Amino acid sequence: MLLCVLGFALPYSQFIPFLIEHGLNLKLFFEQLFASYISAFFAMDLLISSIVFWIFLCWEGSRLKMSNLWVFRYFC
């Protein structure tokens, strides 16, 4: 439970001030996201990990004939 709360609160503690100051300026968001090598490293790592997760979910879900896989079909 604690990790769930931290996983929600910590990222949003950084994102909400950005939204308050700049609004939903996606151009600026991506400029700042890839502003340095280390931030680009984390961004790419997260994006690639997410893509791998969704491919695995769709592949294994179909292979195992998971019930309720329809919930995730939008992304597959």
PDB file of N, CA and C in Angstrom:
ATOM      1  N   MET A   1       0.831  -1.197   0.000  1.00  0.00           N
ATOM      2  CA  MET A   1       0.000   0.000   0.000  1.00  0.00           C
ATOM      3  C   MET A   1       0.877   1.263   0.000  1.00  0.00           C
ATOM      4  N   LEU A   2       1.914   1.240   0.805  1.00  0.00           N
ATOM      5  CA  LEU A   2       2.811   2.382   0.885  1.00  0.00           C
ATOM      6  C   LEU A   2       3.479   2.647  -0.463  1.00  0.00           C
ATOM      7  N   LEU A   3       3.928   1.577  -1.129  1.00  0.00           N
ATOM      8  CA  LEU A   3       4.568   1.753  -2.438  1.00  0.00           C
ATOM      9  C   LEU A   3       3.589   2.301  -3.471  1.00  0.00           C
ATOM     10  N   CYS A   4       2.345   1.903  -3.366  1.00  0.00           N
ATOM     11  CA  CYS A   4       1.313   2.411  -4.277  1.00  0.00           C
ATOM     12  C   CYS A   4       1.138   3.914  -4.079  1.00  0.00           C
ATOM     13  N   VAL A   5       1.057   4.335  -2.834  1.00  0.00           N
ATOM     14  CA  VAL A   5       0.897   5.765  -2.531  1.00  0.00           C
ATOM     15  C   VAL A   5       2.130   6.549  -2.993  1.00  0.00           C
ATOM     16  N   LEU A   6       3.311   6.024  -2.703  1.00  0.00           N
ATOM     17  CA  LEU A   6       4.538   6.694  -3.134  1.00  0.00           C
ATOM     18  C   LEU A   6       4.633   6.754  -4.660  1.00  0.00           C
ATOM     19  N   GLY A   7       4.255   5.655  -5.326  1.00  0.00           N
ATOM     20  CA  GLY A   7       4.292   5.596  -6.779  1.00  0.00           C
ATOM     21  C   GLY A   7       3.348   6.592  -7.427  1.00  0.00           C
ATOM     22  N   PHE A   8       2.315   6.963  -6.730  1.00  0.00           N
ATOM     23  CA  PHE A   8       1.391   7.983  -7.234  1.00  0.00           C
ATOM     24  C   PHE A   8       1.842   9.379  -6.831  1.00  0.00           C
ATOM     25  N   ALA A   9       2.162   9.565  -5.560  1.00  0.00           N
ATOM     26  CA  ALA A   9       2.427  10.897  -5.018  1.00  0.00           C
ATOM     27  C   ALA A   9       3.738  11.503  -5.521  1.00  0.00           C
ATOM     28  N   LEU A  10       4.802  10.739  -5.558  1.00  0.00           N
ATOM     29  CA  LEU A  10       6.100  11.308  -5.919  1.00  0.00           C
ATOM     30  C   LEU A  10       6.157  11.830  -7.354  1.00  0.00           C
ATOM     31  N   PRO A  11       5.717  11.062  -8.347  1.00  0.00           N
ATOM     32  CA  PRO A  11       5.757  11.624  -9.709  1.00  0.00           C
ATOM     33  C   PRO A  11       4.853  12.854  -9.866  1.00  0.00           C
ATOM     34  N   TYR A  12       3.670  12.810  -9.265  1.00  0.00           N
ATOM     35  CA  TYR A  12       2.757  13.934  -9.407  1.00  0.00           C
ATOM     36  C   TYR A  12       3.208  15.151  -8.618  1.00  0.00           C
ATOM     37  N   SER A  13       4.042  14.964  -7.598  1.00  0.00           N
ATOM     38  CA  SER A  13       4.579  16.113  -6.875  1.00  0.00           C
ATOM     39  C   SER A  13       5.507  16.924  -7.769  1.00  0.00           C
ATOM     40  N   GLN A  14       5.994  16.337  -8.840  1.00  0.00           N
ATOM     41  CA  GLN A  14       6.820  17.041  -9.805  1.00  0.00           C
ATOM     42  C   GLN A  14       6.008  17.525 -11.009  1.00  0.00           C
ATOM     43  N   PHE A  15       4.989  16.776 -11.370  1.00  0.00           N
ATOM     44  CA  PHE A  15       4.212  17.093 -12.571  1.00  0.00           C
ATOM     45  C   PHE A  15       3.202  18.217 -12.330  1.00  0.00           C
ATOM     46  N   ILE A  16       2.559  18.235 -11.187  1.00  0.00           N
ATOM     47  CA  ILE A  16       1.523  19.239 -10.910  1.00  0.00           C
ATOM     48  C   ILE A  16       2.101  20.665 -10.907  1.00  0.00           C
ATOM     49  N   PRO A  17       3.259  20.914 -10.272  1.00  0.00           N
ATOM     50  CA  PRO A  17       3.817  22.272 -10.382  1.00  0.00           C
ATOM     51  C   PRO A  17       4.125  22.679 -11.829  1.00  0.00           C
ATOM     52  N   PHE A  18       4.546  21.742 -12.647  1.00  0.00           N
ATOM     53  CA  PHE A  18       4.770  22.036 -14.065  1.00  0.00           C
ATOM     54  C   PHE A  18       3.455  22.446 -14.724  1.00  0.00           C
ATOM     55  N   LEU A  19       2.380  21.699 -14.447  1.00  0.00           N
ATOM     56  CA  LEU A  19       1.078  22.026 -15.029  1.00  0.00           C
ATOM     57  C   LEU A  19       0.588  23.389 -14.560  1.00  0.00           C
ATOM     58  N   ILE A  20       0.789  23.690 -13.296  1.00  0.00           N
ATOM     59  CA  ILE A  20       0.342  24.982 -12.766  1.00  0.00           C
ATOM     60  C   ILE A  20       1.103  26.124 -13.439  1.00  0.00           C
ATOM     61  N   GLU A  21       2.394  25.942 -13.633  1.00  0.00           N
ATOM     62  CA  GLU A  21       3.219  27.008 -14.199  1.00  0.00           C
ATOM     63  C   GLU A  21       3.075  27.143 -15.710  1.00  0.00           C
ATOM     64  N   HIS A  22       2.981  26.005 -16.426  1.00  0.00           N
ATOM     65  CA  HIS A  22       3.025  26.040 -17.894  1.00  0.00           C
ATOM     66  C   HIS A  22       1.755  25.530 -18.572  1.00  0.00           C
ATOM     67  N   GLY A  23       0.838  24.973 -17.817  1.00  0.00           N
ATOM     68  CA  GLY A  23      -0.326  24.356 -18.438  1.00  0.00           C
ATOM     69  C   GLY A  23       0.093  23.069 -19.136  1.00  0.00           C
ATOM     70  N   LEU A  24      -0.740  22.584 -20.031  1.00  0.00           N
ATOM     71  CA  LEU A  24      -0.436  21.333 -20.735  1.00  0.00           C
ATOM     72  C   LEU A  24       0.306  21.661 -22.035  1.00  0.00           C
ATOM     73  N   ASN A  25       1.498  22.208 -21.870  1.00  0.00           N
ATOM     74  CA  ASN A  25       2.345  22.578 -22.999  1.00  0.00           C
ATOM     75  C   ASN A  25       3.217  21.366 -23.348  1.00  0.00           C
ATOM     76  N   LEU A  26       2.756  20.549 -24.288  1.00  0.00           N
ATOM     77  CA  LEU A  26       3.454  19.308 -24.611  1.00  0.00           C
ATOM     78  C   LEU A  26       4.817  19.556 -25.249  1.00  0.00           C
ATOM     79  N   LYS A  27       4.936  20.613 -26.029  1.00  0.00           N
ATOM     80  CA  LYS A  27       6.232  20.919 -26.645  1.00  0.00           C
ATOM     81  C   LYS A  27       7.270  21.176 -25.551  1.00  0.00           C
ATOM     82  N   LEU A  28       6.940  22.015 -24.590  1.00  0.00           N
ATOM     83  CA  LEU A  28       7.851  22.305 -23.491  1.00  0.00           C
ATOM     84  C   LEU A  28       8.085  21.068 -22.621  1.00  0.00           C
ATOM     85  N   PHE A  29       7.045  20.282 -22.416  1.00  0.00           N
ATOM     86  CA  PHE A  29       7.168  19.060 -21.625  1.00  0.00           C
ATOM     87  C   PHE A  29       8.234  18.139 -22.218  1.00  0.00           C
ATOM     88  N   PHE A  30       8.157  17.896 -23.527  1.00  0.00           N
ATOM     89  CA  PHE A  30       9.125  16.999 -24.168  1.00  0.00           C
ATOM     90  C   PHE A  30      10.506  17.638 -24.299  1.00  0.00           C
ATOM     91  N   GLU A  31      10.558  18.944 -24.454  1.00  0.00           N
ATOM     92  CA  GLU A  31      11.857  19.623 -24.458  1.00  0.00           C
ATOM     93  C   GLU A  31      12.563  19.423 -23.115  1.00  0.00           C
ATOM     94  N   GLN A  32      11.819  19.593 -22.025  1.00  0.00           N
ATOM     95  CA  GLN A  32      12.418  19.428 -20.704  1.00  0.00           C
ATOM     96  C   GLN A  32      12.669  17.960 -20.378  1.00  0.00           C
ATOM     97  N   LEU A  33      11.820  17.078 -20.881  1.00  0.00           N
ATOM     98  CA  LEU A  33      11.993  15.649 -20.633  1.00  0.00           C
ATOM     99  C   LEU A  33      13.302  15.149 -21.221  1.00  0.00           C
ATOM    100  N   PHE A  34      13.681  15.662 -22.385  1.00  0.00           N
ATOM    101  CA  PHE A  34      14.907  15.239 -23.051  1.00  0.00           C
ATOM    102  C   PHE A  34      15.995  16.321 -23.010  1.00  0.00           C
ATOM    103  N   ALA A  35      15.967  17.149 -21.972  1.00  0.00           N
ATOM    104  CA  ALA A  35      16.903  18.275 -21.864  1.00  0.00           C
ATOM    105  C   ALA A  35      18.325  17.843 -21.528  1.00  0.00           C
ATOM    106  N   SER A  36      18.487  16.726 -20.865  1.00  0.00           N
ATOM    107  CA  SER A  36      19.833  16.265 -20.516  1.00  0.00           C
ATOM    108  C   SER A  36      19.936  14.775 -20.813  1.00  0.00           C
ATOM    109  N   TYR A  37      21.154  14.291 -20.817  1.00  0.00           N
ATOM    110  CA  TYR A  37      21.368  12.871 -21.089  1.00  0.00           C
ATOM    111  C   TYR A  37      20.698  11.998 -20.036  1.00  0.00           C
ATOM    112  N   ILE A  38      20.777  12.402 -18.784  1.00  0.00           N
ATOM    113  CA  ILE A  38      20.243  11.552 -17.719  1.00  0.00           C
ATOM    114  C   ILE A  38      18.714  11.544 -17.730  1.00  0.00           C
ATOM    115  N   SER A  39      18.081  12.687 -18.005  1.00  0.00           N
ATOM    116  CA  SER A  39      16.620  12.691 -18.081  1.00  0.00           C
ATOM    117  C   SER A  39      16.146  11.929 -19.314  1.00  0.00           C
ATOM    118  N   ALA A  40      16.884  12.046 -20.419  1.00  0.00           N
ATOM    119  CA  ALA A  40      16.541  11.281 -21.623  1.00  0.00           C
ATOM    120  C   ALA A  40      16.705   9.789 -21.372  1.00  0.00           C
ATOM    121  N   PHE A  41      17.739   9.409 -20.607  1.00  0.00           N
ATOM    122  CA  PHE A  41      17.943   8.008 -20.249  1.00  0.00           C
ATOM    123  C   PHE A  41      16.724   7.448 -19.518  1.00  0.00           C
ATOM    124  N   PHE A  42      16.262   8.165 -18.495  1.00  0.00           N
ATOM    125  CA  PHE A  42      15.108   7.689 -17.736  1.00  0.00           C
ATOM    126  C   PHE A  42      13.839   7.674 -18.584  1.00  0.00           C
ATOM    127  N   ALA A  43      13.653   8.690 -19.418  1.00  0.00           N
ATOM    128  CA  ALA A  43      12.466   8.741 -20.264  1.00  0.00           C
ATOM    129  C   ALA A  43      12.439   7.579 -21.251  1.00  0.00           C
ATOM    130  N   MET A  44      13.560   7.335 -21.915  1.00  0.00           N
ATOM    131  CA  MET A  44      13.612   6.237 -22.883  1.00  0.00           C
ATOM    132  C   MET A  44      13.478   4.884 -22.202  1.00  0.00           C
ATOM    133  N   ASP A  45      14.089   4.733 -21.032  1.00  0.00           N
ATOM    134  CA  ASP A  45      13.976   3.484 -20.293  1.00  0.00           C
ATOM    135  C   ASP A  45      12.522   3.203 -19.933  1.00  0.00           C
ATOM    136  N   LEU A  46      11.818   4.218 -19.469  1.00  0.00           N
ATOM    137  CA  LEU A  46      10.413   4.047 -19.109  1.00  0.00           C
ATOM    138  C   LEU A  46       9.560   3.752 -20.342  1.00  0.00           C
ATOM    139  N   LEU A  47       9.784   4.466 -21.429  1.00  0.00           N
ATOM    140  CA  LEU A  47       8.994   4.252 -22.642  1.00  0.00           C
ATOM    141  C   LEU A  47       9.211   2.850 -23.217  1.00  0.00           C
ATOM    142  N   ILE A  48      10.460   2.424 -23.297  1.00  0.00           N
ATOM    143  CA  ILE A  48      10.751   1.094 -23.840  1.00  0.00           C
ATOM    144  C   ILE A  48      10.213   0.006 -22.926  1.00  0.00           C
ATOM    145  N   SER A  49      10.355   0.178 -21.616  1.00  0.00           N
ATOM    146  CA  SER A  49       9.815  -0.800 -20.666  1.00  0.00           C
ATOM    147  C   SER A  49       8.299  -0.907 -20.790  1.00  0.00           C
ATOM    148  N   SER A  50       7.647   0.221 -20.979  1.00  0.00           N
ATOM    149  CA  SER A  50       6.194   0.220 -21.135  1.00  0.00           C
ATOM    150  C   SER A  50       5.773  -0.500 -22.412  1.00  0.00           C
ATOM    151  N   ILE A  51       6.474  -0.246 -23.514  1.00  0.00           N
ATOM    152  CA  ILE A  51       6.158  -0.915 -24.778  1.00  0.00           C
ATOM    153  C   ILE A  51       6.347  -2.427 -24.648  1.00  0.00           C
ATOM    154  N   VAL A  52       7.449  -2.837 -24.027  1.00  0.00           N
ATOM    155  CA  VAL A  52       7.710  -4.271 -23.819  1.00  0.00           C
ATOM    156  C   VAL A  52       6.622  -4.883 -22.961  1.00  0.00           C
ATOM    157  N   PHE A  53       6.193  -4.181 -21.916  1.00  0.00           N
ATOM    158  CA  PHE A  53       5.131  -4.690 -21.049  1.00  0.00           C
ATOM    159  C   PHE A  53       3.842  -4.919 -21.824  1.00  0.00           C
ATOM    160  N   TRP A  54       3.421  -3.947 -22.660  1.00  0.00           N
ATOM    161  CA  TRP A  54       2.160  -4.087 -23.389  1.00  0.00           C
ATOM    162  C   TRP A  54       2.234  -5.205 -24.432  1.00  0.00           C
ATOM    163  N   ILE A  55       3.377  -5.349 -25.083  1.00  0.00           N
ATOM    164  CA  ILE A  55       3.539  -6.454 -26.035  1.00  0.00           C
ATOM    165  C   ILE A  55       3.447  -7.785 -25.291  1.00  0.00           C
ATOM    166  N   PHE A  56       4.134  -7.891 -24.160  1.00  0.00           N
ATOM    167  CA  PHE A  56       4.082  -9.118 -23.363  1.00  0.00           C
ATOM    168  C   PHE A  56       2.665  -9.410 -22.886  1.00  0.00           C
ATOM    169  N   LEU A  57       1.967  -8.381 -22.408  1.00  0.00           N
ATOM    170  CA  LEU A  57       0.598  -8.565 -21.915  1.00  0.00           C
ATOM    171  C   LEU A  57      -0.306  -9.095 -23.024  1.00  0.00           C
ATOM    172  N   CYS A  58      -0.235  -8.499 -24.188  1.00  0.00           N
ATOM    173  CA  CYS A  58      -1.091  -8.934 -25.291  1.00  0.00           C
ATOM    174  C   CYS A  58      -0.712 -10.330 -25.779  1.00  0.00           C
ATOM    175  N   TRP A  59       0.574 -10.582 -25.919  1.00  0.00           N
ATOM    176  CA  TRP A  59       1.058 -11.874 -26.397  1.00  0.00           C
ATOM    177  C   TRP A  59       0.673 -12.999 -25.432  1.00  0.00           C
ATOM    178  N   GLU A  60       1.042 -12.848 -24.188  1.00  0.00           N
ATOM    179  CA  GLU A  60       0.776 -13.896 -23.191  1.00  0.00           C
ATOM    180  C   GLU A  60      -0.710 -14.016 -22.876  1.00  0.00           C
ATOM    181  N   GLY A  61      -1.398 -12.891 -22.840  1.00  0.00           N
ATOM    182  CA  GLY A  61      -2.837 -12.938 -22.590  1.00  0.00           C
ATOM    183  C   GLY A  61      -3.572 -13.722 -23.659  1.00  0.00           C
ATOM    184  N   SER A  62      -3.185 -13.520 -24.908  1.00  0.00           N
ATOM    185  CA  SER A  62      -3.801 -14.278 -26.007  1.00  0.00           C
ATOM    186  C   SER A  62      -3.391 -15.742 -25.959  1.00  0.00           C
ATOM    187  N   ARG A  63      -2.120 -15.994 -25.697  1.00  0.00           N
ATOM    188  CA  ARG A  63      -1.620 -17.370 -25.659  1.00  0.00           C
ATOM    189  C   ARG A  63      -2.287 -18.179 -24.542  1.00  0.00           C
ATOM    190  N   LEU A  64      -2.471 -17.549 -23.380  1.00  0.00           N
ATOM    191  CA  LEU A  64      -3.067 -18.244 -22.234  1.00  0.00           C
ATOM    192  C   LEU A  64      -4.585 -18.153 -22.218  1.00  0.00           C
ATOM    193  N   LYS A  65      -5.144 -17.457 -23.208  1.00  0.00           N
ATOM    194  CA  LYS A  65      -6.604 -17.271 -23.296  1.00  0.00           C
ATOM    195  C   LYS A  65      -7.159 -16.727 -21.976  1.00  0.00           C
ATOM    196  N   MET A  66      -6.533 -15.638 -21.522  1.00  0.00           N
ATOM    197  CA  MET A  66      -6.937 -15.013 -20.264  1.00  0.00           C
ATOM    198  C   MET A  66      -8.358 -14.481 -20.366  1.00  0.00           C
ATOM    199  N   SER A  67      -9.124 -14.710 -19.309  1.00  0.00           N
ATOM    200  CA  SER A  67     -10.447 -14.101 -19.276  1.00  0.00           C
ATOM    201  C   SER A  67     -10.260 -12.619 -18.941  1.00  0.00           C
ATOM    202  N   ASN A  68     -11.173 -11.819 -19.385  1.00  0.00           N
ATOM    203  CA  ASN A  68     -11.146 -10.369 -19.176  1.00  0.00           C
ATOM    204  C   ASN A  68      -9.978  -9.680 -19.868  1.00  0.00           C
ATOM    205  N   LEU A  69      -9.353 -10.322 -20.839  1.00  0.00           N
ATOM    206  CA  LEU A  69      -8.296  -9.659 -21.601  1.00  0.00           C
ATOM    207  C   LEU A  69      -8.881  -8.523 -22.431  1.00  0.00           C
ATOM    208  N   TRP A  70     -10.185  -8.569 -22.657  1.00  0.00           N
ATOM    209  CA  TRP A  70     -10.847  -7.514 -23.415  1.00  0.00           C
ATOM    210  C   TRP A  70     -10.627  -6.142 -22.781  1.00  0.00           C
ATOM    211  N   VAL A  71     -10.383  -6.115 -21.481  1.00  0.00           N
ATOM    212  CA  VAL A  71     -10.136  -4.852 -20.789  1.00  0.00           C
ATOM    213  C   VAL A  71      -8.890  -4.172 -21.385  1.00  0.00           C
ATOM    214  N   PHE A  72      -7.894  -4.954 -21.781  1.00  0.00           N
ATOM    215  CA  PHE A  72      -6.643  -4.420 -22.297  1.00  0.00           C
ATOM    216  C   PHE A  72      -6.601  -4.372 -23.819  1.00  0.00           C
ATOM    217  N   ARG A  73      -7.616  -4.878 -24.499  1.00  0.00           N
ATOM    218  CA  ARG A  73      -7.617  -4.962 -25.962  1.00  0.00           C
ATOM    219  C   ARG A  73      -7.473  -3.615 -26.636  1.00  0.00           C
ATOM    220  N   TYR A  74      -7.887  -2.558 -25.978  1.00  0.00           N
ATOM    221  CA  TYR A  74      -7.756  -1.228 -26.554  1.00  0.00           C
ATOM    222  C   TYR A  74      -6.301  -0.918 -26.872  1.00  0.00           C
ATOM    223  N   PHE A  75      -5.384  -1.425 -26.050  1.00  0.00           N
ATOM    224  CA  PHE A  75      -3.967  -1.148 -26.213  1.00  0.00           C
ATOM    225  C   PHE A  75      -3.271  -2.198 -27.071  1.00  0.00           C
ATOM    226  N   CYS A  76      -3.889  -3.348 -27.291  1.00  0.00           N
ATOM    227  CA  CYS A  76      -3.243  -4.432 -28.040  1.00  0.00           C
ATOM    228  C   CYS A  76      -3.464  -4.275 -29.535  1.00  0.00           C
TER     229      CYS A  76
END
